[in-house]
Amino acid sequence: MLESFADIFDVRYTARMEDQLDDIEEGKIDWREAMGEFYERFTKDLETAETQMTKRQADGKNPPTCCATNAVSRW
């Protein structure tokens, strides 16, 4: 997922998104404009993920190393 959605996982990107959400709340920018910009980038990321992301089958035997619990087996 990191390869396909690197910008979303980037702390600087999410900080900018938080700033934009604050600007929307304060009426400084239009929410449609901000969401349009986000969706444009996100759509490209989705297209990349569809063609390049490795597919994994949940088997319940090998949970992700990042998880403390056996999350894969719950699918």
PDB file of N, CA and C in Angstrom:
ATOM      1  N   MET A   1       0.810  -1.192   0.000  1.00  0.00           N
ATOM      2  CA  MET A   1       0.000   0.000   0.000  1.00  0.00           C
ATOM      3  C   MET A   1       0.858   1.263   0.000  1.00  0.00           C
ATOM      4  N   LEU A   2       1.970   1.190   0.676  1.00  0.00           N
ATOM      5  CA  LEU A   2       2.814   2.381   0.749  1.00  0.00           C
ATOM      6  C   LEU A   2       3.256   2.845  -0.627  1.00  0.00           C
ATOM      7  N   GLU A   3       3.546   1.897  -1.519  1.00  0.00           N
ATOM      8  CA  GLU A   3       4.005   2.266  -2.856  1.00  0.00           C
ATOM      9  C   GLU A   3       2.898   2.968  -3.646  1.00  0.00           C
ATOM     10  N   SER A   4       1.683   2.487  -3.508  1.00  0.00           N
ATOM     11  CA  SER A   4       0.572   3.038  -4.294  1.00  0.00           C
ATOM     12  C   SER A   4      -0.025   4.304  -3.699  1.00  0.00           C
ATOM     13  N   PHE A   5       0.081   4.460  -2.384  1.00  0.00           N
ATOM     14  CA  PHE A   5      -0.539   5.602  -1.706  1.00  0.00           C
ATOM     15  C   PHE A   5       0.482   6.352  -0.854  1.00  0.00           C
ATOM     16  N   ALA A   6       1.681   6.522  -1.398  1.00  0.00           N
ATOM     17  CA  ALA A   6       2.776   7.145  -0.643  1.00  0.00           C
ATOM     18  C   ALA A   6       2.415   8.525  -0.119  1.00  0.00           C
ATOM     19  N   ASP A   7       1.696   9.314  -0.918  1.00  0.00           N
ATOM     20  CA  ASP A   7       1.375  10.672  -0.467  1.00  0.00           C
ATOM     21  C   ASP A   7       0.453  10.669   0.747  1.00  0.00           C
ATOM     22  N   ILE A   8      -0.486   9.761   0.806  1.00  0.00           N
ATOM     23  CA  ILE A   8      -1.421   9.719   1.933  1.00  0.00           C
ATOM     24  C   ILE A   8      -0.704   9.327   3.222  1.00  0.00           C
ATOM     25  N   PHE A   9       0.318   8.476   3.105  1.00  0.00           N
ATOM     26  CA  PHE A   9       1.070   8.041   4.272  1.00  0.00           C
ATOM     27  C   PHE A   9       2.176   9.022   4.660  1.00  0.00           C
ATOM     28  N   ASP A  10       2.384  10.041   3.863  1.00  0.00           N
ATOM     29  CA  ASP A  10       3.415  11.043   4.135  1.00  0.00           C
ATOM     30  C   ASP A  10       2.893  12.042   5.168  1.00  0.00           C
ATOM     31  N   VAL A  11       3.633  12.204   6.250  1.00  0.00           N
ATOM     32  CA  VAL A  11       3.216  13.091   7.341  1.00  0.00           C
ATOM     33  C   VAL A  11       3.024  14.527   6.852  1.00  0.00           C
ATOM     34  N   ARG A  12       3.897  14.982   5.955  1.00  0.00           N
ATOM     35  CA  ARG A  12       3.755  16.351   5.438  1.00  0.00           C
ATOM     36  C   ARG A  12       2.460  16.510   4.644  1.00  0.00           C
ATOM     37  N   TYR A  13       2.105  15.479   3.888  1.00  0.00           N
ATOM     38  CA  TYR A  13       0.866  15.529   3.111  1.00  0.00           C
ATOM     39  C   TYR A  13      -0.345  15.615   4.040  1.00  0.00           C
ATOM     40  N   THR A  14      -0.363  14.747   5.045  1.00  0.00           N
ATOM     41  CA  THR A  14      -1.514  14.764   5.951  1.00  0.00           C
ATOM     42  C   THR A  14      -1.572  16.063   6.752  1.00  0.00           C
ATOM     43  N   ALA A  15      -0.413  16.653   7.059  1.00  0.00           N
ATOM     44  CA  ALA A  15      -0.404  17.946   7.755  1.00  0.00           C
ATOM     45  C   ALA A  15      -0.997  19.032   6.862  1.00  0.00           C
ATOM     46  N   ARG A  16      -0.644  19.003   5.571  1.00  0.00           N
ATOM     47  CA  ARG A  16      -1.219  19.981   4.630  1.00  0.00           C
ATOM     48  C   ARG A  16      -2.736  19.785   4.513  1.00  0.00           C
ATOM     49  N   MET A  17      -3.164  18.518   4.512  1.00  0.00           N
ATOM     50  CA  MET A  17      -4.592  18.238   4.436  1.00  0.00           C
ATOM     51  C   MET A  17      -5.308  18.780   5.668  1.00  0.00           C
ATOM     52  N   GLU A  18      -4.707  18.627   6.828  1.00  0.00           N
ATOM     53  CA  GLU A  18      -5.278  19.186   8.063  1.00  0.00           C
ATOM     54  C   GLU A  18      -5.391  20.707   7.962  1.00  0.00           C
ATOM     55  N   ASP A  19      -4.368  21.339   7.428  1.00  0.00           N
ATOM     56  CA  ASP A  19      -4.400  22.795   7.240  1.00  0.00           C
ATOM     57  C   ASP A  19      -5.525  23.191   6.295  1.00  0.00           C
ATOM     58  N   GLN A  20      -5.690  22.420   5.223  1.00  0.00           N
ATOM     59  CA  GLN A  20      -6.774  22.716   4.279  1.00  0.00           C
ATOM     60  C   GLN A  20      -8.132  22.554   4.948  1.00  0.00           C
ATOM     61  N   LEU A  21      -8.283  21.517   5.756  1.00  0.00           N
ATOM     62  CA  LEU A  21      -9.555  21.327   6.455  1.00  0.00           C
ATOM     63  C   LEU A  21      -9.836  22.479   7.415  1.00  0.00           C
ATOM     64  N   ASP A  22      -8.786  22.974   8.061  1.00  0.00           N
ATOM     65  CA  ASP A  22      -8.950  24.159   8.927  1.00  0.00           C
ATOM     66  C   ASP A  22      -9.376  25.365   8.102  1.00  0.00           C
ATOM     67  N   ASP A  23      -8.760  25.537   6.926  1.00  0.00           N
ATOM     68  CA  ASP A  23      -9.119  26.656   6.044  1.00  0.00           C
ATOM     69  C   ASP A  23     -10.566  26.543   5.570  1.00  0.00           C
ATOM     70  N   ILE A  24     -11.015  25.334   5.318  1.00  0.00           N
ATOM     71  CA  ILE A  24     -12.420  25.130   4.922  1.00  0.00           C
ATOM     72  C   ILE A  24     -13.328  25.544   6.066  1.00  0.00           C
ATOM     73  N   GLU A  25     -12.999  25.093   7.273  1.00  0.00           N
ATOM     74  CA  GLU A  25     -13.810  25.426   8.439  1.00  0.00           C
ATOM     75  C   GLU A  25     -13.897  26.939   8.655  1.00  0.00           C
ATOM     76  N   GLU A  26     -12.792  27.619   8.403  1.00  0.00           N
ATOM     77  CA  GLU A  26     -12.741  29.065   8.606  1.00  0.00           C
ATOM     78  C   GLU A  26     -13.278  29.849   7.405  1.00  0.00           C
ATOM     79  N   GLY A  27     -13.685  29.149   6.363  1.00  0.00           N
ATOM     80  CA  GLY A  27     -14.247  29.806   5.191  1.00  0.00           C
ATOM     81  C   GLY A  27     -13.210  30.418   4.264  1.00  0.00           C
ATOM     82  N   LYS A  28     -11.957  30.059   4.410  1.00  0.00           N
ATOM     83  CA  LYS A  28     -10.895  30.614   3.568  1.00  0.00           C
ATOM     84  C   LYS A  28     -10.844  29.967   2.189  1.00  0.00           C
ATOM     85  N   ILE A  29     -11.207  28.697   2.114  1.00  0.00           N
ATOM     86  CA  ILE A  29     -11.273  28.014   0.818  1.00  0.00           C
ATOM     87  C   ILE A  29     -12.565  27.221   0.733  1.00  0.00           C
ATOM     88  N   ASP A  30     -13.001  26.986  -0.483  1.00  0.00           N
ATOM     89  CA  ASP A  30     -14.235  26.241  -0.731  1.00  0.00           C
ATOM     90  C   ASP A  30     -13.952  24.747  -0.594  1.00  0.00           C
ATOM     91  N   TRP A  31     -14.821  24.020   0.100  1.00  0.00           N
ATOM     92  CA  TRP A  31     -14.596  22.599   0.329  1.00  0.00           C
ATOM     93  C   TRP A  31     -14.587  21.815  -0.967  1.00  0.00           C
ATOM     94  N   ARG A  32     -15.366  22.261  -1.959  1.00  0.00           N
ATOM     95  CA  ARG A  32     -15.406  21.545  -3.239  1.00  0.00           C
ATOM     96  C   ARG A  32     -14.053  21.608  -3.945  1.00  0.00           C
ATOM     97  N   GLU A  33     -13.407  22.757  -3.845  1.00  0.00           N
ATOM     98  CA  GLU A  33     -12.090  22.922  -4.458  1.00  0.00           C
ATOM     99  C   GLU A  33     -11.061  22.008  -3.784  1.00  0.00           C
ATOM    100  N   ALA A  34     -11.041  22.017  -2.451  1.00  0.00           N
ATOM    101  CA  ALA A  34     -10.085  21.192  -1.710  1.00  0.00           C
ATOM    102  C   ALA A  34     -10.328  19.709  -1.966  1.00  0.00           C
ATOM    103  N   MET A  35     -11.570  19.288  -1.934  1.00  0.00           N
ATOM    104  CA  MET A  35     -11.875  17.878  -2.155  1.00  0.00           C
ATOM    105  C   MET A  35     -11.620  17.481  -3.607  1.00  0.00           C
ATOM    106  N   GLY A  36     -11.836  18.392  -4.522  1.00  0.00           N
ATOM    107  CA  GLY A  36     -11.537  18.127  -5.927  1.00  0.00           C
ATOM    108  C   GLY A  36     -10.059  17.868  -6.140  1.00  0.00           C
ATOM    109  N   GLU A  37      -9.214  18.672  -5.495  1.00  0.00           N
ATOM    110  CA  GLU A  37      -7.769  18.476  -5.590  1.00  0.00           C
ATOM    111  C   GLU A  37      -7.360  17.140  -4.974  1.00  0.00           C
ATOM    112  N   PHE A  38      -7.932  16.826  -3.804  1.00  0.00           N
ATOM    113  CA  PHE A  38      -7.630  15.547  -3.162  1.00  0.00           C
ATOM    114  C   PHE A  38      -8.063  14.390  -4.048  1.00  0.00           C
ATOM    115  N   TYR A  39      -9.282  14.457  -4.543  1.00  0.00           N
ATOM    116  CA  TYR A  39      -9.828  13.342  -5.328  1.00  0.00           C
ATOM    117  C   TYR A  39      -9.049  13.132  -6.622  1.00  0.00           C
ATOM    118  N   GLU A  40      -8.572  14.209  -7.218  1.00  0.00           N
ATOM    119  CA  GLU A  40      -7.780  14.090  -8.446  1.00  0.00           C
ATOM    120  C   GLU A  40      -6.511  13.275  -8.180  1.00  0.00           C
ATOM    121  N   ARG A  41      -5.807  13.595  -7.101  1.00  0.00           N
ATOM    122  CA  ARG A  41      -4.596  12.836  -6.744  1.00  0.00           C
ATOM    123  C   ARG A  41      -4.941  11.411  -6.338  1.00  0.00           C
ATOM    124  N   PHE A  42      -5.999  11.260  -5.553  1.00  0.00           N
ATOM    125  CA  PHE A  42      -6.391   9.943  -5.054  1.00  0.00           C
ATOM    126  C   PHE A  42      -6.806   9.027  -6.202  1.00  0.00           C
ATOM    127  N   THR A  43      -7.493   9.558  -7.189  1.00  0.00           N
ATOM    128  CA  THR A  43      -7.900   8.770  -8.351  1.00  0.00           C
ATOM    129  C   THR A  43      -6.678   8.217  -9.080  1.00  0.00           C
ATOM    130  N   LYS A  44      -5.656   9.035  -9.239  1.00  0.00           N
ATOM    131  CA  LYS A  44      -4.417   8.566  -9.870  1.00  0.00           C
ATOM    132  C   LYS A  44      -3.773   7.464  -9.035  1.00  0.00           C
ATOM    133  N   ASP A  45      -3.774   7.640  -7.720  1.00  0.00           N
ATOM    134  CA  ASP A  45      -3.216   6.614  -6.833  1.00  0.00           C
ATOM    135  C   ASP A  45      -3.994   5.303  -6.970  1.00  0.00           C
ATOM    136  N   LEU A  46      -5.317   5.386  -7.047  1.00  0.00           N
ATOM    137  CA  LEU A  46      -6.141   4.185  -7.203  1.00  0.00           C
ATOM    138  C   LEU A  46      -5.838   3.469  -8.512  1.00  0.00           C
ATOM    139  N   GLU A  47      -5.691   4.236  -9.577  1.00  0.00           N
ATOM    140  CA  GLU A  47      -5.370   3.642 -10.873  1.00  0.00           C
ATOM    141  C   GLU A  47      -4.024   2.924 -10.819  1.00  0.00           C
ATOM    142  N   THR A  48      -3.042   3.533 -10.175  1.00  0.00           N
ATOM    143  CA  THR A  48      -1.731   2.908 -10.016  1.00  0.00           C
ATOM    144  C   THR A  48      -1.852   1.635  -9.182  1.00  0.00           C
ATOM    145  N   ALA A  49      -2.601   1.691  -8.115  1.00  0.00           N
ATOM    146  CA  ALA A  49      -2.761   0.532  -7.235  1.00  0.00           C
ATOM    147  C   ALA A  49      -3.419  -0.634  -7.966  1.00  0.00           C
ATOM    148  N   GLU A  50      -4.393  -0.345  -8.800  1.00  0.00           N
ATOM    149  CA  GLU A  50      -5.089  -1.409  -9.527  1.00  0.00           C
ATOM    150  C   GLU A  50      -4.151  -2.197 -10.424  1.00  0.00           C
ATOM    151  N   THR A  51      -3.159  -1.530 -10.977  1.00  0.00           N
ATOM    152  CA  THR A  51      -2.259  -2.205 -11.905  1.00  0.00           C
ATOM    153  C   THR A  51      -0.971  -2.695 -11.261  1.00  0.00           C
ATOM    154  N   GLN A  52      -0.552  -2.072 -10.156  1.00  0.00           N
ATOM    155  CA  GLN A  52       0.762  -2.397  -9.613  1.00  0.00           C
ATOM    156  C   GLN A  52       0.760  -3.008  -8.216  1.00  0.00           C
ATOM    157  N   MET A  53      -0.334  -2.915  -7.499  1.00  0.00           N
ATOM    158  CA  MET A  53      -0.349  -3.409  -6.128  1.00  0.00           C
ATOM    159  C   MET A  53      -0.342  -4.940  -6.121  1.00  0.00           C
ATOM    160  N   THR A  54       0.462  -5.504  -5.254  1.00  0.00           N
ATOM    161  CA  THR A  54       0.528  -6.947  -5.092  1.00  0.00           C
ATOM    162  C   THR A  54      -0.727  -7.417  -4.376  1.00  0.00           C
ATOM    163  N   LYS A  55      -1.339  -8.443  -4.926  1.00  0.00           N
ATOM    164  CA  LYS A  55      -2.540  -8.988  -4.293  1.00  0.00           C
ATOM    165  C   LYS A  55      -2.117 -10.038  -3.274  1.00  0.00           C
ATOM    166  N   ARG A  56      -2.728  -9.991  -2.102  1.00  0.00           N
ATOM    167  CA  ARG A  56      -2.446 -10.970  -1.050  1.00  0.00           C
ATOM    168  C   ARG A  56      -3.728 -11.664  -0.675  1.00  0.00           C
ATOM    169  N   GLN A  57      -3.622 -12.949  -0.493  1.00  0.00           N
ATOM    170  CA  GLN A  57      -4.767 -13.743  -0.068  1.00  0.00           C
ATOM    171  C   GLN A  57      -4.694 -13.921   1.447  1.00  0.00           C
ATOM    172  N   ALA A  58      -5.764 -13.629   2.127  1.00  0.00           N
ATOM    173  CA  ALA A  58      -5.796 -13.812   3.578  1.00  0.00           C
ATOM    174  C   ALA A  58      -5.950 -15.298   3.881  1.00  0.00           C
ATOM    175  N   ASP A  59      -4.968 -15.855   4.575  1.00  0.00           N
ATOM    176  CA  ASP A  59      -5.036 -17.271   4.919  1.00  0.00           C
ATOM    177  C   ASP A  59      -5.105 -17.508   6.424  1.00  0.00           C
ATOM    178  N   GLY A  60      -4.944 -16.461   7.205  1.00  0.00           N
ATOM    179  CA  GLY A  60      -5.019 -16.583   8.648  1.00  0.00           C
ATOM    180  C   GLY A  60      -3.758 -17.125   9.290  1.00  0.00           C
ATOM    181  N   LYS A  61      -2.791 -17.545   8.485  1.00  0.00           N
ATOM    182  CA  LYS A  61      -1.573 -18.146   9.011  1.00  0.00           C
ATOM    183  C   LYS A  61      -0.446 -17.139   9.184  1.00  0.00           C
ATOM    184  N   ASN A  62      -0.427 -16.116   8.377  1.00  0.00           N
ATOM    185  CA  ASN A  62       0.667 -15.144   8.398  1.00  0.00           C
ATOM    186  C   ASN A  62       0.125 -13.727   8.555  1.00  0.00           C
ATOM    187  N   PRO A  63      -0.199 -13.330   9.787  1.00  0.00           N
ATOM    188  CA  PRO A  63      -0.727 -11.971   9.983  1.00  0.00           C
ATOM    189  C   PRO A  63       0.341 -10.937   9.658  1.00  0.00           C
ATOM    190  N   PRO A  64      -0.069  -9.729   9.313  1.00  0.00           N
ATOM    191  CA  PRO A  64       0.897  -8.664   9.043  1.00  0.00           C
ATOM    192  C   PRO A  64       1.800  -8.449  10.249  1.00  0.00           C
ATOM    193  N   THR A  65       3.051  -8.168   9.993  1.00  0.00           N
ATOM    194  CA  THR A  65       3.991  -7.976  11.087  1.00  0.00           C
ATOM    195  C   THR A  65       3.720  -6.696  11.871  1.00  0.00           C
ATOM    196  N   CYS A  66       2.967  -5.781  11.290  1.00  0.00           N
ATOM    197  CA  CYS A  66       2.697  -4.519  11.974  1.00  0.00           C
ATOM    198  C   CYS A  66       1.594  -4.647  13.012  1.00  0.00           C
ATOM    199  N   CYS A  67       0.864  -5.735  12.991  1.00  0.00           N
ATOM    200  CA  CYS A  67      -0.295  -5.883  13.869  1.00  0.00           C
ATOM    201  C   CYS A  67       0.039  -6.725  15.084  1.00  0.00           C
ATOM    202  N   ALA A  68      -0.503  -6.342  16.210  1.00  0.00           N
ATOM    203  CA  ALA A  68      -0.286  -7.106  17.441  1.00  0.00           C
ATOM    204  C   ALA A  68      -1.220  -8.304  17.515  1.00  0.00           C
ATOM    205  N   THR A  69      -2.327  -8.257  16.769  1.00  0.00           N
ATOM    206  CA  THR A  69      -3.288  -9.347  16.782  1.00  0.00           C
ATOM    207  C   THR A  69      -3.347  -9.995  15.415  1.00  0.00           C
ATOM    208  N   ASN A  70      -4.009 -11.072  15.317  1.00  0.00           N
ATOM    209  CA  ASN A  70      -4.120 -11.814  14.073  1.00  0.00           C
ATOM    210  C   ASN A  70      -5.247 -11.223  13.216  1.00  0.00           C
ATOM    211  N   ALA A  71      -5.059 -10.022  12.746  1.00  0.00           N
ATOM    212  CA  ALA A  71      -6.098  -9.288  12.010  1.00  0.00           C
ATOM    213  C   ALA A  71      -6.489  -9.978  10.724  1.00  0.00           C
ATOM    214  N   VAL A  72      -5.561 -10.602  10.037  1.00  0.00           N
ATOM    215  CA  VAL A  72      -5.854 -11.222   8.752  1.00  0.00           C
ATOM    216  C   VAL A  72      -6.895 -12.308   8.901  1.00  0.00           C
ATOM    217  N   SER A  73      -6.848 -13.079   9.972  1.00  0.00           N
ATOM    218  CA  SER A  73      -7.780 -14.188  10.130  1.00  0.00           C
ATOM    219  C   SER A  73      -9.214 -13.710  10.344  1.00  0.00           C
ATOM    220  N   ARG A  74      -9.396 -12.461  10.670  1.00  0.00           N
ATOM    221  CA  ARG A  74     -10.743 -11.910  10.907  1.00  0.00           C
ATOM    222  C   ARG A  74     -11.472 -11.590   9.611  1.00  0.00           C
ATOM    223  N   TRP A  75     -10.781 -11.523   8.501  1.00  0.00           N
ATOM    224  CA  TRP A  75     -11.435 -11.208   7.242  1.00  0.00           C
ATOM    225  C   TRP A  75     -12.318 -12.325   6.913  1.00  0.00           C
TER     226      TRP A  75
END
